[in-house]
């Protein structure tokens, strides 16, 4: 469900994570490097357990990035929303999707 489906009037851009943007981008770049490393490991037929260990690191990095963005969203977007109830429902839905995807 995207923001159009929730009935909440949300902007296409957000500044709620501006204070963490550099940190988020650095983590994403590091994660991108890890993904390329796993791709190289597969191409080079590396040991399965070593690949799984690297994938676990990528998943942990994604979870960490998601938590930073979620916290910034709650502090910036949800607390300042005109319709607090709708904003809370949107964040609860997003949190449910997030926890399912990152285990």
Protein backbone atom coordinates (compact mmCIF):
# COMPACT_ATOMS: atom_id res chain seq x y z
CA UNK A 1 0.00 0.00 0.00
CA UNK A 2 1.53 3.31 -1.00
CA UNK A 3 0.74 6.73 0.43
CA UNK A 4 -1.93 7.36 -2.21
CA UNK A 5 -3.79 4.26 -1.03
CA UNK A 6 -3.82 5.31 2.63
CA UNK A 7 -5.87 8.42 1.98
CA UNK A 8 -3.20 10.56 3.61
CA UNK A 9 -2.11 13.65 1.73
CA UNK A 10 1.66 13.16 1.76
CA UNK A 11 4.35 15.04 -0.11
CA UNK A 12 6.45 13.37 -2.79
CA UNK A 13 9.59 14.45 -0.94
CA UNK A 14 10.48 14.59 2.73
CA UNK A 15 12.97 16.48 4.82
CA UNK A 16 12.34 14.47 8.00
CA UNK A 17 15.60 12.52 7.60
CA UNK A 18 17.78 15.47 6.53
CA UNK A 19 19.87 15.38 9.70
CA UNK A 20 20.68 11.71 9.04
CA UNK A 21 20.89 11.89 5.24
CA UNK A 22 24.70 11.71 5.06
CA UNK A 23 24.77 8.76 7.46
CA UNK A 24 21.98 6.98 5.53
CA UNK A 25 23.75 7.51 2.21
CA UNK A 26 27.06 6.28 3.64
CA UNK A 27 25.37 3.13 4.93
CA UNK A 28 23.64 2.58 1.58
CA UNK A 29 26.94 2.92 -0.27
CA UNK A 30 28.58 0.46 2.12
CA UNK A 31 25.67 -1.94 1.61
CA UNK A 32 25.97 -1.51 -2.16
CA UNK A 33 29.61 -2.55 -1.89
CA UNK A 34 28.63 -5.58 0.15
CA UNK A 35 26.10 -6.60 -2.52
CA UNK A 36 28.76 -6.29 -5.21
CA UNK A 37 31.05 -8.39 -3.04
CA UNK A 38 28.44 -11.13 -2.76
CA UNK A 39 27.92 -11.03 -6.52
CA UNK A 40 31.67 -11.48 -6.98
CA UNK A 41 31.68 -14.33 -4.47
CA UNK A 42 28.96 -16.14 -6.44
CA UNK A 43 30.78 -15.53 -9.72
CA UNK A 44 33.92 -17.01 -8.15
CA UNK A 45 32.02 -20.01 -6.71
CA UNK A 46 32.91 -19.18 -3.10
CA UNK A 47 31.74 -21.32 -0.20
CA UNK A 48 27.99 -21.12 0.48
CA UNK A 49 28.29 -20.38 4.19
CA UNK A 50 30.62 -17.46 3.50
CA UNK A 51 28.07 -16.04 1.04
CA UNK A 52 25.25 -16.49 3.57
CA UNK A 53 27.32 -14.66 6.19
CA UNK A 54 27.73 -11.70 3.85
CA UNK A 55 24.01 -11.73 2.99
CA UNK A 56 23.25 -11.66 6.70
CA UNK A 57 25.42 -8.53 6.99
CA UNK A 58 23.53 -6.91 4.11
CA UNK A 59 20.20 -7.68 5.76
CA UNK A 60 21.42 -6.20 9.06
CA UNK A 61 22.57 -3.07 7.24
CA UNK A 62 19.17 -2.71 5.55
CA UNK A 63 17.42 -3.16 8.89
CA UNK A 64 19.61 -0.48 10.47
CA UNK A 65 18.96 1.99 7.66
CA UNK A 66 15.25 1.30 7.85
CA UNK A 67 15.18 1.94 11.59
CA UNK A 68 16.92 5.31 11.18
CA UNK A 69 14.43 6.35 8.49
CA UNK A 70 11.50 5.06 10.55
CA UNK A 71 12.61 7.00 13.61
CA UNK A 72 13.09 10.17 11.55
CA UNK A 73 9.66 9.67 9.96
CA UNK A 74 7.98 9.36 13.34
CA UNK A 75 9.80 12.39 14.75
CA UNK A 76 9.32 14.56 11.66
CA UNK A 77 6.27 13.46 9.71
CA UNK A 78 4.00 11.72 12.21
CA UNK A 79 4.37 14.14 15.12
CA UNK A 80 3.77 17.12 12.81
CA UNK A 81 0.89 15.60 10.82
CA UNK A 82 -2.43 17.43 10.61
CA UNK A 83 -4.31 14.14 10.90
CA UNK A 84 -2.50 12.34 13.71
CA UNK A 85 -4.73 9.27 13.57
CA UNK A 86 -4.19 8.74 9.84
CA UNK A 87 -0.46 9.35 10.20
CA UNK A 88 -0.28 6.85 13.05
CA UNK A 89 -2.14 4.24 11.00
CA UNK A 90 0.20 4.84 8.07
CA UNK A 91 3.28 4.34 10.26
CA UNK A 92 1.78 1.21 11.83
CA UNK A 93 1.14 -0.24 8.36
CA UNK A 94 4.68 0.66 7.29
CA UNK A 95 6.10 -0.85 10.45
CA UNK A 96 4.21 -4.08 9.84
CA UNK A 97 5.60 -4.31 6.29
CA UNK A 98 9.09 -3.42 7.50
CA UNK A 99 9.17 -6.05 10.23
CA UNK A 100 7.92 -8.72 7.84
CA UNK A 101 10.57 -7.88 5.27
CA UNK A 102 13.56 -7.74 7.61
CA UNK A 103 12.55 -10.53 9.93
